[in-house]
Amino acid sequence: MHKVVRGFIASPMGRIVYRPIQAFIHLSRRLRHPDIPLDHAVTRVSYRQRKFSILHRRWGSDELAIAQCFSEAQYDMPSGAHGALIERIYREIVASGKKPLIVDCGANIGASVLWFTARHPEAHIVAVEPSPMNFALLRKNCSGLGVVLRQAGIGPADGNAWMNNPDEEWGCKTNNNRDGIEIDIISLKTLLSAKPTSGYSPFLLKVDIEGAEKSLFTGSASVLDLFPLIIMEPHDWLFPGQRTSVEFFRFHAQAGREFTMHNENIASIVCDPRLLDFADKHS
């Protein structure tokens, strides 16, 4: 319904009509959902028989992020022989008695986290998000799911950085110029050290960190290569001339991994000899 209202009041005539009834609409919202701020809404989604209610800001890009995860299934990749291999690896981890470990870097308000819980229900998820406003919604949306939440940025080493647009719901950027609020930076090595190999096995690394992938993939290749599947959204379009994806491709090529694409995301996949067998079955 909020989509309809937003479209209606976008026009001059709509704003004129909406203004006298705005107070009534706000009162109605307070009565129906006293625990939800007026500038927030709840969108209900489902995937693989799992249903979720996602709290998000009423205006902005949150709805698009939710749609990308649940309507477009942007992280349902790879497919074909590569998808069969990744599914086999996932099942082998589960059969071994360990939990497949998913690290969601740039978890935003949690739509991707919720989708991963439905797609990979046996997995253990660590969600990393630096923005205070996004993290507050991430915490609410992931309540009761057993997901580990870290309010921090991700980087090649532990440390600190600064964020000069903490109120931006989508596209929070970090810098080392002491511009904005100070945030913690945590490394994959530190995250994995808290997950002993006796109980967890790295499975999927999702990276959507608004250009900071340029720094992340200068980190330990041996740690990155532990993940059979890495899904990343590149941001060269956002930072033209800065080659934000070059370190990802350098790691990917040197590790001898396979490459696929789906919508705006790219995937780096472990090159397993079984791919040849799966290729025959999916040809």
C-alpha atoms as a PDB file:
ATOM      1  CA  MET A   1       0.000   0.000   0.000  1.00  0.00           C
ATOM      2  CA  HIS A   2       2.844   2.418   0.775  1.00  0.00           C
ATOM      3  CA  LYS A   3       4.044   1.991  -2.815  1.00  0.00           C
ATOM      4  CA  VAL A   4       0.665   3.229  -4.050  1.00  0.00           C
ATOM      5  CA  VAL A   5       0.706   6.191  -1.652  1.00  0.00           C
ATOM      6  CA  ARG A   6       4.231   7.119  -2.653  1.00  0.00           C
ATOM      7  CA  GLY A   7       3.343   7.073  -6.325  1.00  0.00           C
ATOM      8  CA  PHE A   8       0.199   9.100  -5.690  1.00  0.00           C
ATOM      9  CA  ILE A   9       1.832  11.914  -3.715  1.00  0.00           C
ATOM     10  CA  ALA A  10       4.712  12.160  -6.194  1.00  0.00           C
ATOM     11  CA  SER A  11       2.446  14.317  -8.397  1.00  0.00           C
ATOM     12  CA  PRO A  12       1.494  17.927  -7.543  1.00  0.00           C
ATOM     13  CA  MET A  13      -2.211  17.049  -7.517  1.00  0.00           C
ATOM     14  CA  GLY A  14      -1.552  14.023  -5.335  1.00  0.00           C
ATOM     15  CA  ARG A  15       0.253  16.143  -2.752  1.00  0.00           C
ATOM     16  CA  ILE A  16      -2.651  18.589  -2.635  1.00  0.00           C
ATOM     17  CA  VAL A  17      -5.155  15.773  -2.065  1.00  0.00           C
ATOM     18  CA  TYR A  18      -2.925  13.909   0.387  1.00  0.00           C
ATOM     19  CA  ARG A  19      -2.147  16.827   2.702  1.00  0.00           C
ATOM     20  CA  PRO A  20      -5.611  17.084   4.383  1.00  0.00           C
ATOM     21  CA  ILE A  21      -5.838  13.342   5.037  1.00  0.00           C
ATOM     22  CA  GLN A  22      -2.223  12.876   6.122  1.00  0.00           C
ATOM     23  CA  ALA A  23      -3.015  13.251   9.829  1.00  0.00           C
ATOM     24  CA  PHE A  24      -5.777  10.627   9.571  1.00  0.00           C
ATOM     25  CA  ILE A  25      -3.439   8.200   7.798  1.00  0.00           C
ATOM     26  CA  HIS A  26      -0.758   8.694  10.451  1.00  0.00           C
ATOM     27  CA  LEU A  27      -3.275   8.115  13.249  1.00  0.00           C
ATOM     28  CA  SER A  28      -4.494   4.959  11.557  1.00  0.00           C
ATOM     29  CA  ARG A  29      -0.924   3.674  11.276  1.00  0.00           C
ATOM     30  CA  ARG A  30      -0.244   4.387  14.954  1.00  0.00           C
ATOM     31  CA  LEU A  31      -3.358   2.502  16.004  1.00  0.00           C
ATOM     32  CA  ARG A  32      -2.647  -0.509  13.796  1.00  0.00           C
ATOM     33  CA  HIS A  33       1.103  -0.681  14.398  1.00  0.00           C
ATOM     34  CA  PRO A  34       1.984   1.301  17.539  1.00  0.00           C
ATOM     35  CA  ASP A  35       5.494  -0.203  17.626  1.00  0.00           C
ATOM     36  CA  ILE A  36       6.423   0.861  14.066  1.00  0.00           C
ATOM     37  CA  PRO A  37       7.630   4.440  13.395  1.00  0.00           C
ATOM     38  CA  LEU A  38       5.536   6.413  10.922  1.00  0.00           C
ATOM     39  CA  ASP A  39       8.381   6.595   8.442  1.00  0.00           C
ATOM     40  CA  HIS A  40       8.795   2.801   8.479  1.00  0.00           C
ATOM     41  CA  ALA A  41       6.793  -0.029   6.980  1.00  0.00           C
ATOM     42  CA  VAL A  42       6.728  -3.825   6.946  1.00  0.00           C
ATOM     43  CA  THR A  43       6.978  -5.854   3.759  1.00  0.00           C
ATOM     44  CA  ARG A  44       6.049  -9.535   3.873  1.00  0.00           C
ATOM     45  CA  VAL A  45       7.994 -11.879   1.634  1.00  0.00           C
ATOM     46  CA  SER A  46       8.534 -15.603   1.278  1.00  0.00           C
ATOM     47  CA  TYR A  47      10.985 -18.024  -0.263  1.00  0.00           C
ATOM     48  CA  ARG A  48      11.006 -21.829  -0.208  1.00  0.00           C
ATOM     49  CA  GLN A  49       8.078 -21.942   2.222  1.00  0.00           C
ATOM     50  CA  ARG A  50       9.792 -19.563   4.643  1.00  0.00           C
ATOM     51  CA  LYS A  51       7.888 -16.352   5.372  1.00  0.00           C
ATOM     52  CA  PHE A  52       9.421 -13.137   6.661  1.00  0.00           C
ATOM     53  CA  SER A  53       8.214  -9.705   7.729  1.00  0.00           C
ATOM     54  CA  ILE A  54      10.908  -7.150   6.963  1.00  0.00           C
ATOM     55  CA  LEU A  55      10.879  -3.785   8.729  1.00  0.00           C
ATOM     56  CA  HIS A  56      12.253  -1.032   6.517  1.00  0.00           C
ATOM     57  CA  ARG A  57      12.161   2.691   5.893  1.00  0.00           C
ATOM     58  CA  ARG A  58       9.059   3.790   4.044  1.00  0.00           C
ATOM     59  CA  TRP A  59      10.942   6.045   1.617  1.00  0.00           C
ATOM     60  CA  GLY A  60      14.253   5.175   0.025  1.00  0.00           C
ATOM     61  CA  SER A  61      15.980   2.158  -1.459  1.00  0.00           C
ATOM     62  CA  ASP A  62      15.110  -0.493   1.133  1.00  0.00           C
ATOM     63  CA  GLU A  63      12.204  -1.827  -0.936  1.00  0.00           C
ATOM     64  CA  LEU A  64      14.476  -2.266  -3.934  1.00  0.00           C
ATOM     65  CA  ALA A  65      16.956  -4.247  -1.849  1.00  0.00           C
ATOM     66  CA  ILE A  66      14.138  -6.499  -0.642  1.00  0.00           C
ATOM     67  CA  ALA A  67      12.826  -6.997  -4.171  1.00  0.00           C
ATOM     68  CA  GLN A  68      16.276  -7.844  -5.487  1.00  0.00           C
ATOM     69  CA  CYS A  69      16.648 -10.573  -2.881  1.00  0.00           C
ATOM     70  CA  PHE A  70      13.169 -12.097  -2.931  1.00  0.00           C
ATOM     71  CA  SER A  71      11.517 -11.188  -6.236  1.00  0.00           C
ATOM     72  CA  GLU A  72      14.639 -11.399  -8.391  1.00  0.00           C
ATOM     73  CA  ALA A  73      16.518 -13.946  -6.231  1.00  0.00           C
ATOM     74  CA  GLN A  74      19.750 -12.179  -7.109  1.00  0.00           C
ATOM     75  CA  TYR A  75      21.843 -14.460  -4.921  1.00  0.00           C
ATOM     76  CA  ASP A  76      20.432 -17.670  -6.344  1.00  0.00           C
ATOM     77  CA  MET A  77      23.619 -18.360  -8.248  1.00  0.00           C
ATOM     78  CA  PRO A  78      25.478 -20.043  -9.844  1.00  0.00           C
ATOM     79  CA  SER A  79      23.371 -22.342 -12.013  1.00  0.00           C
ATOM     80  CA  GLY A  80      24.105 -25.307 -14.260  1.00  0.00           C
ATOM     81  CA  ALA A  81      27.192 -27.400 -13.519  1.00  0.00           C
ATOM     82  CA  HIS A  82      28.576 -24.765 -11.162  1.00  0.00           C
ATOM     83  CA  GLY A  83      25.328 -24.679  -9.217  1.00  0.00           C
ATOM     84  CA  ALA A  84      25.319 -28.477  -8.955  1.00  0.00           C
ATOM     85  CA  LEU A  85      28.880 -28.405  -7.604  1.00  0.00           C
ATOM     86  CA  ILE A  86      28.104 -25.755  -4.999  1.00  0.00           C
ATOM     87  CA  GLU A  87      25.016 -27.685  -3.876  1.00  0.00           C
ATOM     88  CA  ARG A  88      27.134 -30.850  -3.575  1.00  0.00           C
ATOM     89  CA  ILE A  89      29.730 -29.044  -1.484  1.00  0.00           C
ATOM     90  CA  TYR A  90      27.003 -27.636   0.750  1.00  0.00           C
ATOM     91  CA  ARG A  91      25.491 -31.096   1.289  1.00  0.00           C
ATOM     92  CA  GLU A  92      28.898 -32.595   2.006  1.00  0.00           C
ATOM     93  CA  ILE A  93      29.558 -30.016   4.713  1.00  0.00           C
ATOM     94  CA  VAL A  94      26.197 -30.746   6.330  1.00  0.00           C
ATOM     95  CA  ALA A  95      26.767 -34.510   6.098  1.00  0.00           C
ATOM     96  CA  SER A  96      30.129 -34.102   7.838  1.00  0.00           C
ATOM     97  CA  GLY A  97      28.349 -32.724  10.896  1.00  0.00           C
ATOM     98  CA  LYS A  98      29.619 -29.186  10.387  1.00  0.00           C
ATOM     99  CA  LYS A  99      27.696 -26.004   9.654  1.00  0.00           C
ATOM    100  CA  PRO A 100      28.240 -24.330   6.276  1.00  0.00           C
ATOM    101  CA  LEU A 101      29.457 -20.835   7.114  1.00  0.00           C
ATOM    102  CA  ILE A 102      28.066 -17.839   5.233  1.00  0.00           C
ATOM    103  CA  VAL A 103      29.645 -14.419   5.775  1.00  0.00           C
ATOM    104  CA  ASP A 104      27.422 -11.591   4.515  1.00  0.00           C
ATOM    105  CA  CYS A 105      29.544  -8.467   4.056  1.00  0.00           C
ATOM    106  CA  GLY A 106      27.323  -5.443   3.606  1.00  0.00           C
ATOM    107  CA  ALA A 107      24.224  -7.029   5.125  1.00  0.00           C
ATOM    108  CA  ASN A 108      22.247  -3.741   4.999  1.00  0.00           C
ATOM    109  CA  ILE A 109      18.854  -4.199   6.722  1.00  0.00           C
ATOM    110  CA  GLY A 110      18.955  -7.998   6.512  1.00  0.00           C
ATOM    111  CA  ALA A 111      17.035  -8.919   3.348  1.00  0.00           C
ATOM    112  CA  SER A 112      19.981 -10.926   2.032  1.00  0.00           C
ATOM    113  CA  VAL A 113      20.472 -12.591   5.404  1.00  0.00           C
ATOM    114  CA  LEU A 114      16.836 -13.704   5.524  1.00  0.00           C
ATOM    115  CA  TRP A 115      17.054 -15.009   1.966  1.00  0.00           C
ATOM    116  CA  PHE A 116      20.183 -17.017   2.829  1.00  0.00           C
ATOM    117  CA  THR A 117      18.432 -18.573   5.833  1.00  0.00           C
ATOM    118  CA  ALA A 118      15.684 -19.807   3.511  1.00  0.00           C
ATOM    119  CA  ARG A 119      17.994 -20.958   0.714  1.00  0.00           C
ATOM    120  CA  HIS A 120      20.572 -22.599   3.009  1.00  0.00           C
ATOM    121  CA  PRO A 121      18.674 -23.477   6.200  1.00  0.00           C
ATOM    122  CA  GLU A 122      21.480 -25.560   7.735  1.00  0.00           C
ATOM    123  CA  ALA A 123      24.024 -22.749   7.370  1.00  0.00           C
ATOM    124  CA  HIS A 124      25.408 -20.497  10.077  1.00  0.00           C
ATOM    125  CA  ILE A 125      25.455 -16.826   9.050  1.00  0.00           C
ATOM    126  CA  VAL A 126      27.678 -13.973  10.162  1.00  0.00           C
ATOM    127  CA  ALA A 127      26.318 -10.610   8.992  1.00  0.00           C
ATOM    128  CA  VAL A 128      28.596  -7.562   8.844  1.00  0.00           C
ATOM    129  CA  GLU A 129      27.165  -4.052   8.427  1.00  0.00           C
ATOM    130  CA  PRO A 130      28.825  -0.732   9.394  1.00  0.00           C
ATOM    131  CA  SER A 131      25.930   1.760   9.131  1.00  0.00           C
ATOM    132  CA  PRO A 132      24.281   2.416  12.534  1.00  0.00           C
ATOM    133  CA  MET A 133      20.851   3.021  10.961  1.00  0.00           C
ATOM    134  CA  ASN A 134      21.021  -0.063   8.773  1.00  0.00           C
ATOM    135  CA  PHE A 135      22.353  -2.139  11.652  1.00  0.00           C
ATOM    136  CA  ALA A 136      19.415  -1.197  13.885  1.00  0.00           C
ATOM    137  CA  LEU A 137      17.010  -2.590  11.260  1.00  0.00           C
ATOM    138  CA  LEU A 138      19.275  -5.583  10.623  1.00  0.00           C
ATOM    139  CA  ARG A 139      19.110  -6.472  14.302  1.00  0.00           C
ATOM    140  CA  LYS A 140      15.312  -6.259  14.385  1.00  0.00           C
ATOM    141  CA  ASN A 141      14.837  -8.216  11.154  1.00  0.00           C
ATOM    142  CA  CYS A 142      17.194 -11.010  12.245  1.00  0.00           C
ATOM    143  CA  SER A 143      15.898 -11.287  15.797  1.00  0.00           C
ATOM    144  CA  GLY A 144      15.556 -14.888  16.912  1.00  0.00           C
ATOM    145  CA  LEU A 145      17.349 -16.378  13.894  1.00  0.00           C
ATOM    146  CA  GLY A 146      20.649 -17.200  15.559  1.00  0.00           C
ATOM    147  CA  VAL A 147      22.564 -15.018  13.111  1.00  0.00           C
ATOM    148  CA  VAL A 148      25.769 -13.437  14.406  1.00  0.00           C
ATOM    149  CA  LEU A 149      25.655  -9.682  13.782  1.00  0.00           C
ATOM    150  CA  ARG A 150      28.753  -7.489  13.666  1.00  0.00           C
ATOM    151  CA  GLN A 151      28.441  -3.713  13.413  1.00  0.00           C
ATOM    152  CA  ALA A 152      31.632  -3.080  11.492  1.00  0.00           C
ATOM    153  CA  GLY A 153      33.104  -2.726   8.061  1.00  0.00           C
ATOM    154  CA  ILE A 154      34.988  -5.584   6.446  1.00  0.00           C
ATOM    155  CA  GLY A 155      38.612  -5.245   5.372  1.00  0.00           C
ATOM    156  CA  PRO A 156      41.902  -7.047   4.832  1.00  0.00           C
ATOM    157  CA  ALA A 157      42.989  -6.378   8.435  1.00  0.00           C
ATOM    158  CA  ASP A 158      41.429  -5.295  11.714  1.00  0.00           C
ATOM    159  CA  GLY A 159      41.428  -1.571  12.335  1.00  0.00           C
ATOM    160  CA  ASN A 160      39.304   1.540  11.980  1.00  0.00           C
ATOM    161  CA  ALA A 161      37.839   3.675   9.230  1.00  0.00           C
ATOM    162  CA  TRP A 162      35.419   6.570   8.919  1.00  0.00           C
ATOM    163  CA  MET A 163      31.994   6.869   7.325  1.00  0.00           C
ATOM    164  CA  ASN A 164      30.861  10.255   6.055  1.00  0.00           C
ATOM    165  CA  ASN A 165      27.352   9.209   5.010  1.00  0.00           C
ATOM    166  CA  PRO A 166      26.061   7.079   7.928  1.00  0.00           C
ATOM    167  CA  ASP A 167      22.443   8.096   7.236  1.00  0.00           C
ATOM    168  CA  GLU A 168      22.548   6.749   3.681  1.00  0.00           C
ATOM    169  CA  GLU A 169      20.384   3.634   3.667  1.00  0.00           C
ATOM    170  CA  TRP A 170      22.113   2.174   0.647  1.00  0.00           C
ATOM    171  CA  GLY A 171      25.652   2.918  -0.426  1.00  0.00           C
ATOM    172  CA  CYS A 172      27.482   3.697   2.822  1.00  0.00           C
ATOM    173  CA  LYS A 173      31.115   4.412   1.990  1.00  0.00           C
ATOM    174  CA  THR A 174      34.152   4.274   4.247  1.00  0.00           C
ATOM    175  CA  ASN A 175      37.346   6.314   4.076  1.00  0.00           C
ATOM    176  CA  ASN A 176      40.675   6.681   5.863  1.00  0.00           C
ATOM    177  CA  ASN A 177      40.589  10.481   5.901  1.00  0.00           C
ATOM    178  CA  ARG A 178      38.945  10.790   9.339  1.00  0.00           C
ATOM    179  CA  ASP A 179      35.893  12.207   7.574  1.00  0.00           C
ATOM    180  CA  GLY A 180      32.659  11.318   9.396  1.00  0.00           C
ATOM    181  CA  ILE A 181      31.989   8.844  12.196  1.00  0.00           C
ATOM    182  CA  GLU A 182      34.608   6.300  13.210  1.00  0.00           C
ATOM    183  CA  ILE A 183      33.749   2.634  12.696  1.00  0.00           C
ATOM    184  CA  ASP A 184      35.473  -0.669  13.388  1.00  0.00           C
ATOM    185  CA  ILE A 185      36.956  -2.683  10.536  1.00  0.00           C
ATOM    186  CA  ILE A 186      37.135  -6.442  10.979  1.00  0.00           C
ATOM    187  CA  SER A 187      38.991  -8.944   8.838  1.00  0.00           C
ATOM    188  CA  LEU A 188      37.803 -12.273   7.506  1.00  0.00           C
ATOM    189  CA  LYS A 189      40.666 -13.891   9.382  1.00  0.00           C
ATOM    190  CA  THR A 190      39.311 -12.555  12.673  1.00  0.00           C
ATOM    191  CA  LEU A 191      35.754 -13.590  11.830  1.00  0.00           C
ATOM    192  CA  LEU A 192      36.835 -17.113  10.935  1.00  0.00           C
ATOM    193  CA  SER A 193      38.997 -17.461  14.033  1.00  0.00           C
ATOM    194  CA  ALA A 194      35.785 -17.335  16.088  1.00  0.00           C
ATOM    195  CA  LYS A 195      34.371 -20.277  14.108  1.00  0.00           C
ATOM    196  CA  PRO A 196      36.493 -23.384  14.812  1.00  0.00           C
ATOM    197  CA  THR A 197      36.980 -25.779  11.906  1.00  0.00           C
ATOM    198  CA  SER A 198      35.664 -28.571  14.100  1.00  0.00           C
ATOM    199  CA  GLY A 199      32.172 -27.115  13.830  1.00  0.00           C
ATOM    200  CA  TYR A 200      32.136 -24.834  10.803  1.00  0.00           C
ATOM    201  CA  SER A 201      33.299 -24.917   7.212  1.00  0.00           C
ATOM    202  CA  PRO A 202      33.484 -21.744   5.054  1.00  0.00           C
ATOM    203  CA  PHE A 203      30.898 -21.994   2.302  1.00  0.00           C
ATOM    204  CA  LEU A 204      29.747 -18.642   0.906  1.00  0.00           C
ATOM    205  CA  LEU A 205      31.191 -15.147   1.064  1.00  0.00           C
ATOM    206  CA  LYS A 206      28.819 -12.406  -0.101  1.00  0.00           C
ATOM    207  CA  VAL A 207      30.401  -9.001  -0.757  1.00  0.00           C
ATOM    208  CA  ASP A 208      28.383  -5.844  -1.413  1.00  0.00           C
ATOM    209  CA  ILE A 209      30.476  -3.138   0.219  1.00  0.00           C
ATOM    210  CA  GLU A 210      30.217  -0.120  -2.072  1.00  0.00           C
ATOM    211  CA  GLY A 211      33.721  -0.113  -3.514  1.00  0.00           C
ATOM    212  CA  ALA A 212      35.586  -1.304  -0.410  1.00  0.00           C
ATOM    213  CA  GLU A 213      36.153  -4.598  -2.256  1.00  0.00           C
ATOM    214  CA  LYS A 214      39.221  -2.844  -3.660  1.00  0.00           C
ATOM    215  CA  SER A 215      40.739  -3.108  -0.191  1.00  0.00           C
ATOM    216  CA  LEU A 216      39.178  -6.389   0.950  1.00  0.00           C
ATOM    217  CA  PHE A 217      40.667  -8.467  -1.853  1.00  0.00           C
ATOM    218  CA  THR A 218      44.191  -7.276  -1.105  1.00  0.00           C
ATOM    219  CA  GLY A 219      43.918  -9.449   2.010  1.00  0.00           C
ATOM    220  CA  SER A 220      45.045 -13.013   2.512  1.00  0.00           C
ATOM    221  CA  ALA A 221      44.257 -15.022  -0.622  1.00  0.00           C
ATOM    222  CA  SER A 222      44.434 -18.217   1.412  1.00  0.00           C
ATOM    223  CA  VAL A 223      41.610 -16.998   3.650  1.00  0.00           C
ATOM    224  CA  LEU A 224      39.470 -15.828   0.727  1.00  0.00           C
ATOM    225  CA  ASP A 225      40.066 -19.099  -1.118  1.00  0.00           C
ATOM    226  CA  LEU A 226      38.555 -21.045   1.791  1.00  0.00           C
ATOM    227  CA  PHE A 227      35.112 -20.079   0.469  1.00  0.00           C
ATOM    228  CA  PRO A 228      33.969 -22.350  -2.402  1.00  0.00           C
ATOM    229  CA  LEU A 229      31.600 -19.580  -3.523  1.00  0.00           C
ATOM    230  CA  ILE A 230      32.171 -15.827  -3.447  1.00  0.00           C
ATOM    231  CA  ILE A 231      29.377 -13.566  -4.715  1.00  0.00           C
ATOM    232  CA  MET A 232      30.269  -9.929  -5.236  1.00  0.00           C
ATOM    233  CA  GLU A 233      28.600  -6.821  -6.609  1.00  0.00           C
ATOM    234  CA  PRO A 234      31.281  -4.777  -8.417  1.00  0.00           C
ATOM    235  CA  HIS A 235      31.248  -0.990  -8.106  1.00  0.00           C
ATOM    236  CA  ASP A 236      33.425   0.271 -10.940  1.00  0.00           C
ATOM    237  CA  TRP A 237      30.323   2.077 -12.205  1.00  0.00           C
ATOM    238  CA  LEU A 238      30.193   4.004  -8.919  1.00  0.00           C
ATOM    239  CA  PHE A 239      33.904   4.878  -8.868  1.00  0.00           C
ATOM    240  CA  PRO A 240      34.989   5.213 -12.498  1.00  0.00           C
ATOM    241  CA  GLY A 241      38.733   5.223 -12.966  1.00  0.00           C
ATOM    242  CA  GLN A 242      39.471   3.808  -9.503  1.00  0.00           C
ATOM    243  CA  ARG A 243      39.575   0.123 -10.547  1.00  0.00           C
ATOM    244  CA  THR A 244      37.648  -1.052  -7.514  1.00  0.00           C
ATOM    245  CA  SER A 245      37.251  -4.587  -8.913  1.00  0.00           C
ATOM    246  CA  VAL A 246      40.806  -5.178 -10.054  1.00  0.00           C
ATOM    247  CA  GLU A 247      41.960  -6.832  -6.796  1.00  0.00           C
ATOM    248  CA  PHE A 248      39.007  -9.217  -6.903  1.00  0.00           C
ATOM    249  CA  PHE A 249      39.894 -10.314 -10.425  1.00  0.00           C
ATOM    250  CA  ARG A 250      43.579 -10.580  -9.515  1.00  0.00           C
ATOM    251  CA  PHE A 251      42.742 -12.895  -6.605  1.00  0.00           C
ATOM    252  CA  HIS A 252      40.263 -14.826  -8.735  1.00  0.00           C
ATOM    253  CA  ALA A 253      42.739 -15.418 -11.573  1.00  0.00           C
ATOM    254  CA  GLN A 254      45.689 -16.299  -9.354  1.00  0.00           C
ATOM    255  CA  ALA A 255      43.565 -18.777  -7.384  1.00  0.00           C
ATOM    256  CA  GLY A 256      42.474 -20.449 -10.641  1.00  0.00           C
ATOM    257  CA  ARG A 257      38.786 -20.175  -9.864  1.00  0.00           C
ATOM    258  CA  GLU A 258      35.758 -20.276 -12.200  1.00  0.00           C
ATOM    259  CA  PHE A 259      33.630 -17.211 -13.025  1.00  0.00           C
ATOM    260  CA  THR A 260      29.900 -16.700 -13.652  1.00  0.00           C
ATOM    261  CA  MET A 261      27.467 -13.755 -13.650  1.00  0.00           C
ATOM    262  CA  HIS A 262      23.847 -13.182 -12.654  1.00  0.00           C
ATOM    263  CA  ASN A 263      22.186  -9.772 -12.897  1.00  0.00           C
ATOM    264  CA  GLU A 264      24.523  -7.269 -11.210  1.00  0.00           C
ATOM    265  CA  ASN A 265      26.491  -9.884  -9.278  1.00  0.00           C
ATOM    266  CA  ILE A 266      29.535 -11.906 -10.232  1.00  0.00           C
ATOM    267  CA  ALA A 267      30.654 -15.171  -8.688  1.00  0.00           C
ATOM    268  CA  SER A 268      34.049 -16.714  -8.067  1.00  0.00           C
ATOM    269  CA  ILE A 269      33.744 -20.484  -7.751  1.00  0.00           C
ATOM    270  CA  VAL A 270      36.295 -23.035  -6.658  1.00  0.00           C
ATOM    271  CA  CYS A 271      37.588 -25.079  -9.599  1.00  0.00           C
ATOM    272  CA  ASP A 272      36.784 -28.624  -8.539  1.00  0.00           C
ATOM    273  CA  PRO A 273      37.575 -31.639 -10.789  1.00  0.00           C
ATOM    274  CA  ARG A 274      33.967 -32.756 -10.383  1.00  0.00           C
ATOM    275  CA  LEU A 275      32.879 -29.821 -12.525  1.00  0.00           C
ATOM    276  CA  LEU A 276      33.645 -31.904 -15.611  1.00  0.00           C
ATOM    277  CA  ASP A 277      31.223 -34.609 -14.482  1.00  0.00           C
ATOM    278  CA  PHE A 278      28.543 -32.059 -13.649  1.00  0.00           C
ATOM    279  CA  ALA A 279      29.102 -30.394 -17.024  1.00  0.00           C
ATOM    280  CA  ASP A 280      28.296 -33.660 -18.812  1.00  0.00           C
ATOM    281  CA  LYS A 281      25.065 -33.999 -16.822  1.00  0.00           C
ATOM    282  CA  HIS A 282      24.001 -30.395 -17.511  1.00  0.00           C
ATOM    283  CA  SER A 283      24.986 -30.204 -21.168  1.00  0.00           C
END
